PDB file of all heavy atoms in Angstrom:
ATOM      1  N   ARG A   1      25.633 -16.661  10.636  1.00  0.00           N
ATOM      2  CA  ARG A   1      24.785 -16.111  11.692  1.00  0.00           C
ATOM      3  C   ARG A   1      24.437 -14.655  11.394  1.00  0.00           C
ATOM      4  O   ARG A   1      23.308 -14.245  11.576  1.00  0.00           O
ATOM      5  CB  ARG A   1      25.463 -16.238  13.045  1.00  0.00           C
ATOM      6  CG  ARG A   1      25.215 -17.475  13.738  1.00  0.00           C
ATOM      7  CD  ARG A   1      25.368 -17.325  15.232  1.00  0.00           C
ATOM      8  NE  ARG A   1      25.185 -18.644  15.843  1.00  0.00           N
ATOM      9  CZ  ARG A   1      25.822 -19.047  16.902  1.00  0.00           C
ATOM     10  NH1 ARG A   1      26.734 -18.244  17.464  1.00  0.00           N
ATOM     11  NH2 ARG A   1      25.626 -20.197  17.374  1.00  0.00           N
ATOM     12  N   ALA A   2      25.424 -13.895  11.014  1.00  0.00           N
ATOM     13  CA  ALA A   2      25.190 -12.459  10.725  1.00  0.00           C
ATOM     14  C   ALA A   2      24.222 -12.270   9.566  1.00  0.00           C
ATOM     15  O   ALA A   2      23.310 -11.466   9.628  1.00  0.00           O
ATOM     16  CB  ALA A   2      26.521 -11.756  10.420  1.00  0.00           C
ATOM     17  N   GLN A   3      24.346 -13.107   8.520  1.00  0.00           N
ATOM     18  CA  GLN A   3      23.463 -13.032   7.390  1.00  0.00           C
ATOM     19  C   GLN A   3      22.021 -13.433   7.811  1.00  0.00           C
ATOM     20  O   GLN A   3      21.058 -12.700   7.472  1.00  0.00           O
ATOM     21  CB  GLN A   3      23.915 -13.981   6.276  1.00  0.00           C
ATOM     22  CG  GLN A   3      23.057 -13.925   5.048  1.00  0.00           C
ATOM     23  CD  GLN A   3      23.529 -14.898   3.997  1.00  0.00           C
ATOM     24  OE1 GLN A   3      24.433 -15.659   4.186  1.00  0.00           O
ATOM     25  NE2 GLN A   3      22.919 -14.808   2.813  1.00  0.00           N
ATOM     26  N   ASP A   4      21.874 -14.469   8.579  1.00  0.00           N
ATOM     27  CA  ASP A   4      20.557 -14.876   9.084  1.00  0.00           C
ATOM     28  C   ASP A   4      19.955 -13.801   9.944  1.00  0.00           C
ATOM     29  O   ASP A   4      18.743 -13.509   9.848  1.00  0.00           O
ATOM     30  CB  ASP A   4      20.645 -16.186   9.834  1.00  0.00           C
ATOM     31  CG  ASP A   4      20.889 -17.412   8.941  1.00  0.00           C
ATOM     32  OD1 ASP A   4      20.771 -17.254   7.697  1.00  0.00           O
ATOM     33  OD2 ASP A   4      21.250 -18.448   9.472  1.00  0.00           O
ATOM     34  N   GLU A   5      20.754 -13.189  10.825  1.00  0.00           N
ATOM     35  CA  GLU A   5      20.243 -12.172  11.685  1.00  0.00           C
ATOM     36  C   GLU A   5      19.827 -10.915  10.894  1.00  0.00           C
ATOM     37  O   GLU A   5      18.806 -10.288  11.193  1.00  0.00           O
ATOM     38  CB  GLU A   5      21.271 -11.768  12.752  1.00  0.00           C
ATOM     39  CG  GLU A   5      21.431 -12.862  13.818  1.00  0.00           C
ATOM     40  CD  GLU A   5      22.559 -12.580  14.742  1.00  0.00           C
ATOM     41  OE1 GLU A   5      23.240 -11.506  14.619  1.00  0.00           O
ATOM     42  OE2 GLU A   5      22.816 -13.398  15.658  1.00  0.00           O
ATOM     43  N   LEU A   6      20.575 -10.591   9.879  1.00  0.00           N
ATOM     44  CA  LEU A   6      20.247  -9.438   9.040  1.00  0.00           C
ATOM     45  C   LEU A   6      18.943  -9.682   8.324  1.00  0.00           C
ATOM     46  O   LEU A   6      18.051  -8.789   8.296  1.00  0.00           O
ATOM     47  CB  LEU A   6      21.373  -9.116   8.061  1.00  0.00           C
ATOM     48  CG  LEU A   6      21.195  -7.859   7.230  1.00  0.00           C
ATOM     49  CD1 LEU A   6      21.007  -6.645   8.075  1.00  0.00           C
ATOM     50  CD2 LEU A   6      22.363  -7.708   6.299  1.00  0.00           C
ATOM     51  N   ILE A   7      18.764 -10.851   7.756  1.00  0.00           N
ATOM     52  CA  ILE A   7      17.500 -11.174   7.052  1.00  0.00           C
ATOM     53  C   ILE A   7      16.374 -11.139   8.043  1.00  0.00           C
ATOM     54  O   ILE A   7      15.305 -10.596   7.750  1.00  0.00           O
ATOM     55  CB  ILE A   7      17.635 -12.565   6.332  1.00  0.00           C
ATOM     56  CG1 ILE A   7      18.570 -12.449   5.115  1.00  0.00           C
ATOM     57  CG2 ILE A   7      16.277 -13.059   5.870  1.00  0.00           C
ATOM     58  CD1 ILE A   7      18.919 -13.763   4.497  1.00  0.00           C
ATOM     59  N   GLU A   8      16.579 -11.757   9.199  1.00  0.00           N
ATOM     60  CA  GLU A   8      15.538 -11.796  10.212  1.00  0.00           C
ATOM     61  C   GLU A   8      15.097 -10.401  10.627  1.00  0.00           C
ATOM     62  O   GLU A   8      13.942 -10.074  10.786  1.00  0.00           O
ATOM     63  CB  GLU A   8      16.068 -12.553  11.433  1.00  0.00           C
ATOM     64  CG  GLU A   8      15.044 -12.742  12.558  1.00  0.00           C
ATOM     65  CD  GLU A   8      15.637 -13.510  13.689  1.00  0.00           C
ATOM     66  OE1 GLU A   8      16.170 -14.608  13.478  1.00  0.00           O
ATOM     67  OE2 GLU A   8      15.601 -12.999  14.839  1.00  0.00           O
ATOM     68  N   HIS A   9      16.120  -9.503  10.768  1.00  0.00           N
ATOM     69  CA  HIS A   9      15.831  -8.094  11.141  1.00  0.00           C
ATOM     70  C   HIS A   9      15.029  -7.414  10.044  1.00  0.00           C
ATOM     71  O   HIS A   9      14.041  -6.720  10.316  1.00  0.00           O
ATOM     72  CB  HIS A   9      17.122  -7.361  11.415  1.00  0.00           C
ATOM     73  CG  HIS A   9      16.974  -5.890  11.628  1.00  0.00           C
ATOM     74  ND1 HIS A   9      16.395  -5.387  12.793  1.00  0.00           N
ATOM     75  CD2 HIS A   9      17.236  -4.834  10.893  1.00  0.00           C
ATOM     76  CE1 HIS A   9      16.322  -4.076  12.730  1.00  0.00           C
ATOM     77  NE2 HIS A   9      16.842  -3.679  11.559  1.00  0.00           N
ATOM     78  N   GLU A  10      15.461  -7.557   8.784  1.00  0.00           N
ATOM     79  CA  GLU A  10      14.792  -6.928   7.686  1.00  0.00           C
ATOM     80  C   GLU A  10      13.331  -7.393   7.562  1.00  0.00           C
ATOM     81  O   GLU A  10      12.419  -6.620   7.267  1.00  0.00           O
ATOM     82  CB  GLU A  10      15.549  -7.104   6.365  1.00  0.00           C
ATOM     83  CG  GLU A  10      16.844  -6.375   6.333  1.00  0.00           C
ATOM     84  CD  GLU A  10      16.724  -4.894   6.404  1.00  0.00           C
ATOM     85  OE1 GLU A  10      15.791  -4.315   5.780  1.00  0.00           O
ATOM     86  OE2 GLU A  10      17.547  -4.280   7.113  1.00  0.00           O
ATOM     87  N   VAL A  11      13.135  -8.701   7.707  1.00  0.00           N
ATOM     88  CA  VAL A  11      11.778  -9.262   7.649  1.00  0.00           C
ATOM     89  C   VAL A  11      10.947  -8.713   8.831  1.00  0.00           C
ATOM     90  O   VAL A  11       9.771  -8.423   8.646  1.00  0.00           O
ATOM     91  CB  VAL A  11      11.813 -10.783   7.622  1.00  0.00           C
ATOM     92  CG1 VAL A  11      10.419 -11.395   7.804  1.00  0.00           C
ATOM     93  CG2 VAL A  11      12.474 -11.314   6.310  1.00  0.00           C
ATOM     94  N   SER A  12      11.568  -8.594   9.987  1.00  0.00           N
ATOM     95  CA  SER A  12      10.879  -8.041  11.131  1.00  0.00           C
ATOM     96  C   SER A  12      10.452  -6.613  10.896  1.00  0.00           C
ATOM     97  O   SER A  12       9.334  -6.203  11.241  1.00  0.00           O
ATOM     98  CB  SER A  12      11.792  -8.129  12.377  1.00  0.00           C
ATOM     99  OG  SER A  12      11.168  -7.510  13.462  1.00  0.00           O
ATOM    100  N   VAL A  13      11.318  -5.802  10.281  1.00  0.00           N
ATOM    101  CA  VAL A  13      10.958  -4.446   9.913  1.00  0.00           C
ATOM    102  C   VAL A  13       9.776  -4.429   8.973  1.00  0.00           C
ATOM    103  O   VAL A  13       8.819  -3.643   9.149  1.00  0.00           O
ATOM    104  CB  VAL A  13      12.179  -3.693   9.332  1.00  0.00           C
ATOM    105  CG1 VAL A  13      11.768  -2.382   8.686  1.00  0.00           C
ATOM    106  CG2 VAL A  13      13.249  -3.452  10.397  1.00  0.00           C
ATOM    107  N   GLU A  14       9.852  -5.289   7.974  1.00  0.00           N
ATOM    108  CA  GLU A  14       8.745  -5.363   6.998  1.00  0.00           C
ATOM    109  C   GLU A  14       7.481  -5.800   7.707  1.00  0.00           C
ATOM    110  O   GLU A  14       6.373  -5.244   7.374  1.00  0.00           O
ATOM    111  CB  GLU A  14       9.117  -6.373   5.872  1.00  0.00           C
ATOM    112  CG  GLU A  14       8.221  -6.246   4.677  1.00  0.00           C
ATOM    113  CD  GLU A  14       8.246  -4.943   3.963  1.00  0.00           C
ATOM    114  OE1 GLU A  14       9.333  -4.366   3.831  1.00  0.00           O
ATOM    115  OE2 GLU A  14       7.179  -4.453   3.574  1.00  0.00           O
ATOM    116  N   ARG A  15       7.512  -6.751   8.627  1.00  0.00           N
ATOM    117  CA  ARG A  15       6.363  -7.191   9.384  1.00  0.00           C
ATOM    118  C   ARG A  15       5.734  -5.981  10.124  1.00  0.00           C
ATOM    119  O   ARG A  15       4.494  -5.803  10.108  1.00  0.00           O
ATOM    120  CB  ARG A  15       6.752  -8.274  10.391  1.00  0.00           C
ATOM    121  CG  ARG A  15       5.586  -8.852  11.133  1.00  0.00           C
ATOM    122  CD  ARG A  15       6.041  -9.945  12.156  1.00  0.00           C
ATOM    123  NE  ARG A  15       6.592 -11.067  11.466  1.00  0.00           N
ATOM    124  CZ  ARG A  15       7.910 -11.464  11.488  1.00  0.00           C
ATOM    125  NH1 ARG A  15       8.760 -10.764  12.234  1.00  0.00           N
ATOM    126  NH2 ARG A  15       8.337 -12.506  10.822  1.00  0.00           N
ATOM    127  N   GLY A  16       6.570  -5.181  10.727  1.00  0.00           N
ATOM    128  CA  GLY A  16       6.115  -3.999  11.465  1.00  0.00           C
ATOM    129  C   GLY A  16       5.422  -3.020  10.535  1.00  0.00           C
ATOM    130  O   GLY A  16       4.424  -2.393  10.890  1.00  0.00           O
ATOM    131  N   GLU A  17       5.989  -2.824   9.330  1.00  0.00           N
ATOM    132  CA  GLU A  17       5.402  -1.933   8.351  1.00  0.00           C
ATOM    133  C   GLU A  17       4.032  -2.404   7.901  1.00  0.00           C
ATOM    134  O   GLU A  17       3.099  -1.620   7.718  1.00  0.00           O
ATOM    135  CB  GLU A  17       6.339  -1.726   7.181  1.00  0.00           C
ATOM    136  CG  GLU A  17       7.601  -0.953   7.519  1.00  0.00           C
ATOM    137  CD  GLU A  17       8.615  -0.911   6.413  1.00  0.00           C
ATOM    138  OE1 GLU A  17       8.398  -1.537   5.351  1.00  0.00           O
ATOM    139  OE2 GLU A  17       9.630  -0.186   6.578  1.00  0.00           O
ATOM    140  N   ILE A  18       3.933  -3.716   7.695  1.00  0.00           N
ATOM    141  CA  ILE A  18       2.630  -4.267   7.302  1.00  0.00           C
ATOM    142  C   ILE A  18       1.591  -4.107   8.406  1.00  0.00           C
ATOM    143  O   ILE A  18       0.426  -3.731   8.149  1.00  0.00           O
ATOM    144  CB  ILE A  18       2.772  -5.745   6.940  1.00  0.00           C
ATOM    145  CG1 ILE A  18       3.536  -5.926   5.628  1.00  0.00           C
ATOM    146  CG2 ILE A  18       1.430  -6.460   6.843  1.00  0.00           C
ATOM    147  CD1 ILE A  18       3.950  -7.331   5.246  1.00  0.00           C
ATOM    148  N   ASP A  19       1.961  -4.237   9.670  1.00  0.00           N
ATOM    149  CA  ASP A  19       1.093  -4.091  10.794  1.00  0.00           C
ATOM    150  C   ASP A  19       0.682  -2.618  10.970  1.00  0.00           C
ATOM    151  O   ASP A  19      -0.464  -2.289  11.259  1.00  0.00           O
ATOM    152  CB  ASP A  19       1.680  -4.620  12.081  1.00  0.00           C
ATOM    153  CG  ASP A  19       1.801  -6.123  12.110  1.00  0.00           C
ATOM    154  OD1 ASP A  19       1.104  -6.790  11.290  1.00  0.00           O
ATOM    155  OD2 ASP A  19       2.575  -6.650  12.958  1.00  0.00           O
ATOM    156  N   ALA A  20       1.670  -1.740  10.841  1.00  0.00           N
ATOM    157  CA  ALA A  20       1.472  -0.297  11.078  1.00  0.00           C
ATOM    158  C   ALA A  20       0.670   0.406   9.974  1.00  0.00           C
ATOM    159  O   ALA A  20      -0.099   1.330  10.206  1.00  0.00           O
ATOM    160  CB  ALA A  20       2.784   0.422  11.337  1.00  0.00           C
ATOM    161  N   ASP A  21       0.951  -0.006   8.726  1.00  0.00           N
ATOM    162  CA  ASP A  21       0.366   0.715   7.582  1.00  0.00           C
ATOM    163  C   ASP A  21       0.017  -0.253   6.465  1.00  0.00           C
ATOM    164  O   ASP A  21       0.587  -0.279   5.349  1.00  0.00           O
ATOM    165  CB  ASP A  21       1.337   1.759   7.064  1.00  0.00           C
ATOM    166  CG  ASP A  21       0.743   2.617   5.953  1.00  0.00           C
ATOM    167  OD1 ASP A  21      -0.520   2.628   5.785  1.00  0.00           O
ATOM    168  OD2 ASP A  21       1.516   3.331   5.246  1.00  0.00           O
ATOM    169  N   PRO A  22      -1.021  -1.118   6.716  1.00  0.00           N
ATOM    170  CA  PRO A  22      -1.324  -2.166   5.673  1.00  0.00           C
ATOM    171  C   PRO A  22      -1.760  -1.511   4.360  1.00  0.00           C
ATOM    172  O   PRO A  22      -1.412  -2.065   3.297  1.00  0.00           O
ATOM    173  CB  PRO A  22      -2.478  -2.937   6.317  1.00  0.00           C
ATOM    174  CG  PRO A  22      -2.960  -2.142   7.459  1.00  0.00           C
ATOM    175  CD  PRO A  22      -1.835  -1.253   7.896  1.00  0.00           C
ATOM    176  N   GLU A  23      -2.447  -0.393   4.416  1.00  0.00           N
ATOM    177  CA  GLU A  23      -2.885   0.247   3.153  1.00  0.00           C
ATOM    178  C   GLU A  23      -1.692   0.773   2.378  1.00  0.00           C
ATOM    179  O   GLU A  23      -1.587   0.622   1.130  1.00  0.00           O
ATOM    180  CB  GLU A  23      -3.872   1.369   3.455  1.00  0.00           C
ATOM    181  CG  GLU A  23      -4.443   2.074   2.236  1.00  0.00           C
ATOM    182  CD  GLU A  23      -5.170   1.129   1.281  1.00  0.00           C
ATOM    183  OE1 GLU A  23      -5.678   0.059   1.701  1.00  0.00           O
ATOM    184  OE2 GLU A  23      -5.254   1.439   0.074  1.00  0.00           O
ATOM    185  N   GLY A  24      -0.745   1.372   3.057  1.00  0.00           N
ATOM    186  CA  GLY A  24       0.453   1.862   2.376  1.00  0.00           C
ATOM    187  C   GLY A  24       1.276   0.684   1.766  1.00  0.00           C
ATOM    188  O   GLY A  24       1.809   0.815   0.671  1.00  0.00           O
ATOM    189  N   GLU A  25       1.331  -0.395   2.489  1.00  0.00           N
ATOM    190  CA  GLU A  25       2.027  -1.580   1.994  1.00  0.00           C
ATOM    191  C   GLU A  25       1.318  -2.197   0.833  1.00  0.00           C
ATOM    192  O   GLU A  25       1.917  -2.743  -0.100  1.00  0.00           O
ATOM    193  CB  GLU A  25       2.243  -2.571   3.152  1.00  0.00           C
ATOM    194  CG  GLU A  25       3.221  -2.102   4.189  1.00  0.00           C
ATOM    195  CD  GLU A  25       4.628  -1.884   3.669  1.00  0.00           C
ATOM    196  OE1 GLU A  25       5.234  -2.809   3.218  1.00  0.00           O
ATOM    197  OE2 GLU A  25       5.073  -0.722   3.758  1.00  0.00           O
ATOM    198  N   ARG A  26      -0.039  -2.146   0.840  1.00  0.00           N
ATOM    199  CA  ARG A  26      -0.793  -2.666  -0.296  1.00  0.00           C
ATOM    200  C   ARG A  26      -0.499  -1.812  -1.511  1.00  0.00           C
ATOM    201  O   ARG A  26      -0.283  -2.375  -2.627  1.00  0.00           O
ATOM    202  CB  ARG A  26      -2.324  -2.613   0.004  1.00  0.00           C
ATOM    203  CG  ARG A  26      -3.158  -3.256  -1.148  1.00  0.00           C
ATOM    204  CD  ARG A  26      -4.604  -2.797  -1.116  1.00  0.00           C
ATOM    205  NE  ARG A  26      -4.809  -1.373  -1.128  1.00  0.00           N
ATOM    206  CZ  ARG A  26      -4.653  -0.580  -2.200  1.00  0.00           C
ATOM    207  NH1 ARG A  26      -4.241  -1.061  -3.367  1.00  0.00           N
ATOM    208  NH2 ARG A  26      -4.834   0.750  -2.125  1.00  0.00           N
ATOM    209  N   ARG A  27      -0.465  -0.469  -1.339  1.00  0.00           N
ATOM    210  CA  ARG A  27      -0.160   0.401  -2.477  1.00  0.00           C
ATOM    211  C   ARG A  27       1.283   0.143  -2.992  1.00  0.00           C
ATOM    212  O   ARG A  27       1.556   0.127  -4.210  1.00  0.00           O
ATOM    213  CB  ARG A  27      -0.302   1.844  -2.062  1.00  0.00           C
ATOM    214  CG  ARG A  27      -1.721   2.305  -1.970  1.00  0.00           C
ATOM    215  CD  ARG A  27      -1.840   3.866  -1.796  1.00  0.00           C
ATOM    216  NE  ARG A  27      -1.072   4.376  -0.682  1.00  0.00           N
ATOM    217  CZ  ARG A  27      -1.559   4.518   0.557  1.00  0.00           C
ATOM    218  NH1 ARG A  27      -2.809   4.190   0.847  1.00  0.00           N
ATOM    219  NH2 ARG A  27      -0.801   5.006   1.509  1.00  0.00           N
ATOM    220  N   GLU A  28       2.196  -0.100  -2.064  1.00  0.00           N
ATOM    221  CA  GLU A  28       3.579  -0.382  -2.417  1.00  0.00           C
ATOM    222  C   GLU A  28       3.663  -1.653  -3.233  1.00  0.00           C
ATOM    223  O   GLU A  28       4.373  -1.721  -4.224  1.00  0.00           O
ATOM    224  CB  GLU A  28       4.455  -0.454  -1.176  1.00  0.00           C
ATOM    225  CG  GLU A  28       5.906  -0.723  -1.442  1.00  0.00           C
ATOM    226  CD  GLU A  28       6.684  -0.767  -0.143  1.00  0.00           C
ATOM    227  OE1 GLU A  28       6.267  -1.487   0.766  1.00  0.00           O
ATOM    228  OE2 GLU A  28       7.754  -0.141  -0.074  1.00  0.00           O
ATOM    229  N   LEU A  29       2.913  -2.667  -2.803  1.00  0.00           N
ATOM    230  CA  LEU A  29       2.903  -3.980  -3.481  1.00  0.00           C
ATOM    231  C   LEU A  29       2.325  -3.789  -4.885  1.00  0.00           C
ATOM    232  O   LEU A  29       2.871  -4.334  -5.869  1.00  0.00           O
ATOM    233  CB  LEU A  29       2.147  -4.977  -2.699  1.00  0.00           C
ATOM    234  CG  LEU A  29       2.258  -6.456  -3.041  1.00  0.00           C
ATOM    235  CD1 LEU A  29       3.677  -6.911  -3.066  1.00  0.00           C
ATOM    236  CD2 LEU A  29       1.383  -7.286  -2.106  1.00  0.00           C
ATOM    237  N   ALA A  30       1.250  -3.065  -4.985  1.00  0.00           N
ATOM    238  CA  ALA A  30       0.613  -2.801  -6.312  1.00  0.00           C
ATOM    239  C   ALA A  30       1.587  -2.134  -7.224  1.00  0.00           C
ATOM    240  O   ALA A  30       1.726  -2.466  -8.416  1.00  0.00           O
ATOM    241  CB  ALA A  30      -0.677  -2.020  -6.148  1.00  0.00           C
ATOM    242  N   ALA A  31       2.335  -1.141  -6.669  1.00  0.00           N
ATOM    243  CA  ALA A  31       3.322  -0.396  -7.491  1.00  0.00           C
ATOM    244  C   ALA A  31       4.399  -1.328  -7.965  1.00  0.00           C
ATOM    245  O   ALA A  31       4.937  -1.181  -9.083  1.00  0.00           O
ATOM    246  CB  ALA A  31       3.903   0.748  -6.667  1.00  0.00           C
ATOM    247  N   MET A  32       4.823  -2.284  -7.146  1.00  0.00           N
ATOM    248  CA  MET A  32       5.885  -3.209  -7.558  1.00  0.00           C
ATOM    249  C   MET A  32       5.425  -4.060  -8.719  1.00  0.00           C
ATOM    250  O   MET A  32       6.131  -4.317  -9.679  1.00  0.00           O
ATOM    251  CB  MET A  32       6.326  -4.094  -6.399  1.00  0.00           C
ATOM    252  CG  MET A  32       7.217  -3.396  -5.367  1.00  0.00           C
ATOM    253  SD  MET A  32       7.876  -4.557  -4.169  1.00  0.00           S
ATOM    254  CE  MET A  32       6.552  -4.556  -2.955  1.00  0.00           C
ATOM    255  N   TYR A  33       4.124  -4.523  -8.670  1.00  0.00           N
ATOM    256  CA  TYR A  33       3.569  -5.310  -9.781  1.00  0.00           C
ATOM    257  C   TYR A  33       3.409  -4.477 -11.029  1.00  0.00           C
ATOM    258  O   TYR A  33       3.657  -4.938 -12.147  1.00  0.00           O
ATOM    259  CB  TYR A  33       2.278  -5.986  -9.364  1.00  0.00           C
ATOM    260  CG  TYR A  33       2.493  -7.232  -8.542  1.00  0.00           C
ATOM    261  CD1 TYR A  33       2.137  -7.269  -7.195  1.00  0.00           C
ATOM    262  CD2 TYR A  33       3.037  -8.325  -9.100  1.00  0.00           C
ATOM    263  CE1 TYR A  33       2.364  -8.386  -6.443  1.00  0.00           C
ATOM    264  CE2 TYR A  33       3.264  -9.499  -8.353  1.00  0.00           C
ATOM    265  CZ  TYR A  33       2.939  -9.523  -7.036  1.00  0.00           C
ATOM    266  OH  TYR A  33       3.161 -10.642  -6.275  1.00  0.00           O
ATOM    267  N   GLU A  34       3.004  -3.216 -10.864  1.00  0.00           N
ATOM    268  CA  GLU A  34       2.873  -2.323 -11.986  1.00  0.00           C
ATOM    269  C   GLU A  34       4.232  -2.116 -12.666  1.00  0.00           C
ATOM    270  O   GLU A  34       4.353  -2.057 -13.884  1.00  0.00           O
ATOM    271  CB  GLU A  34       2.295  -0.968 -11.573  1.00  0.00           C
ATOM    272  CG  GLU A  34       0.796  -1.020 -11.280  1.00  0.00           C
ATOM    273  CD  GLU A  34       0.258   0.317 -10.842  1.00  0.00           C
ATOM    274  OE1 GLU A  34       0.693   1.355 -11.369  1.00  0.00           O
ATOM    275  OE2 GLU A  34      -0.590   0.338  -9.905  1.00  0.00           O
ATOM    276  N   ALA A  35       5.283  -1.963 -11.838  1.00  0.00           N
ATOM    277  CA  ALA A  35       6.640  -1.792 -12.365  1.00  0.00           C
ATOM    278  C   ALA A  35       7.064  -2.994 -13.161  1.00  0.00           C
ATOM    279  O   ALA A  35       7.932  -2.906 -14.081  1.00  0.00           O
ATOM    280  CB  ALA A  35       7.610  -1.527 -11.221  1.00  0.00           C
ATOM    281  N   GLU A  36       6.492  -4.136 -12.884  1.00  0.00           N
ATOM    282  CA  GLU A  36       6.797  -5.366 -13.670  1.00  0.00           C
ATOM    283  C   GLU A  36       5.948  -5.539 -14.875  1.00  0.00           C
ATOM    284  O   GLU A  36       6.010  -6.574 -15.537  1.00  0.00           O
ATOM    285  CB  GLU A  36       6.689  -6.618 -12.716  1.00  0.00           C
ATOM    286  CG  GLU A  36       7.686  -6.684 -11.602  1.00  0.00           C
ATOM    287  CD  GLU A  36       9.110  -6.833 -12.133  1.00  0.00           C
ATOM    288  OE1 GLU A  36       9.338  -7.563 -13.081  1.00  0.00           O
ATOM    289  OE2 GLU A  36       9.987  -6.166 -11.528  1.00  0.00           O
ATOM    290  N   GLY A  37       5.061  -4.543 -15.138  1.00  0.00           N
ATOM    291  CA  GLY A  37       4.270  -4.585 -16.335  1.00  0.00           C
ATOM    292  C   GLY A  37       2.816  -5.053 -16.180  1.00  0.00           C
ATOM    293  O   GLY A  37       2.102  -5.204 -17.128  1.00  0.00           O
ATOM    294  N   VAL A  38       2.413  -5.283 -14.903  1.00  0.00           N
ATOM    295  CA  VAL A  38       1.032  -5.682 -14.678  1.00  0.00           C
ATOM    296  C   VAL A  38       0.142  -4.433 -14.785  1.00  0.00           C
ATOM    297  O   VAL A  38       0.459  -3.418 -14.189  1.00  0.00           O
ATOM    298  CB  VAL A  38       0.888  -6.336 -13.287  1.00  0.00           C
ATOM    299  CG1 VAL A  38      -0.600  -6.681 -13.002  1.00  0.00           C
ATOM    300  CG2 VAL A  38       1.771  -7.576 -13.189  1.00  0.00           C
ATOM    301  N   PRO A  39      -0.945  -4.508 -15.547  1.00  0.00           N
ATOM    302  CA  PRO A  39      -1.863  -3.301 -15.675  1.00  0.00           C
ATOM    303  C   PRO A  39      -2.321  -2.877 -14.246  1.00  0.00           C
ATOM    304  O   PRO A  39      -2.593  -3.699 -13.437  1.00  0.00           O
ATOM    305  CB  PRO A  39      -3.002  -3.847 -16.513  1.00  0.00           C
ATOM    306  CG  PRO A  39      -2.465  -5.014 -17.244  1.00  0.00           C
ATOM    307  CD  PRO A  39      -1.427  -5.633 -16.349  1.00  0.00           C
TER     308      PRO A  39
END
């Protein structure tokens, strides 16, 4: 239960970040792909 609640909380935080700052989250996502070697 604790593990499920922690994951649910973290996903909820991420959902809020996507809603509040979609452009910042887009840049963050692009940076993650760049870090993996995508041009």
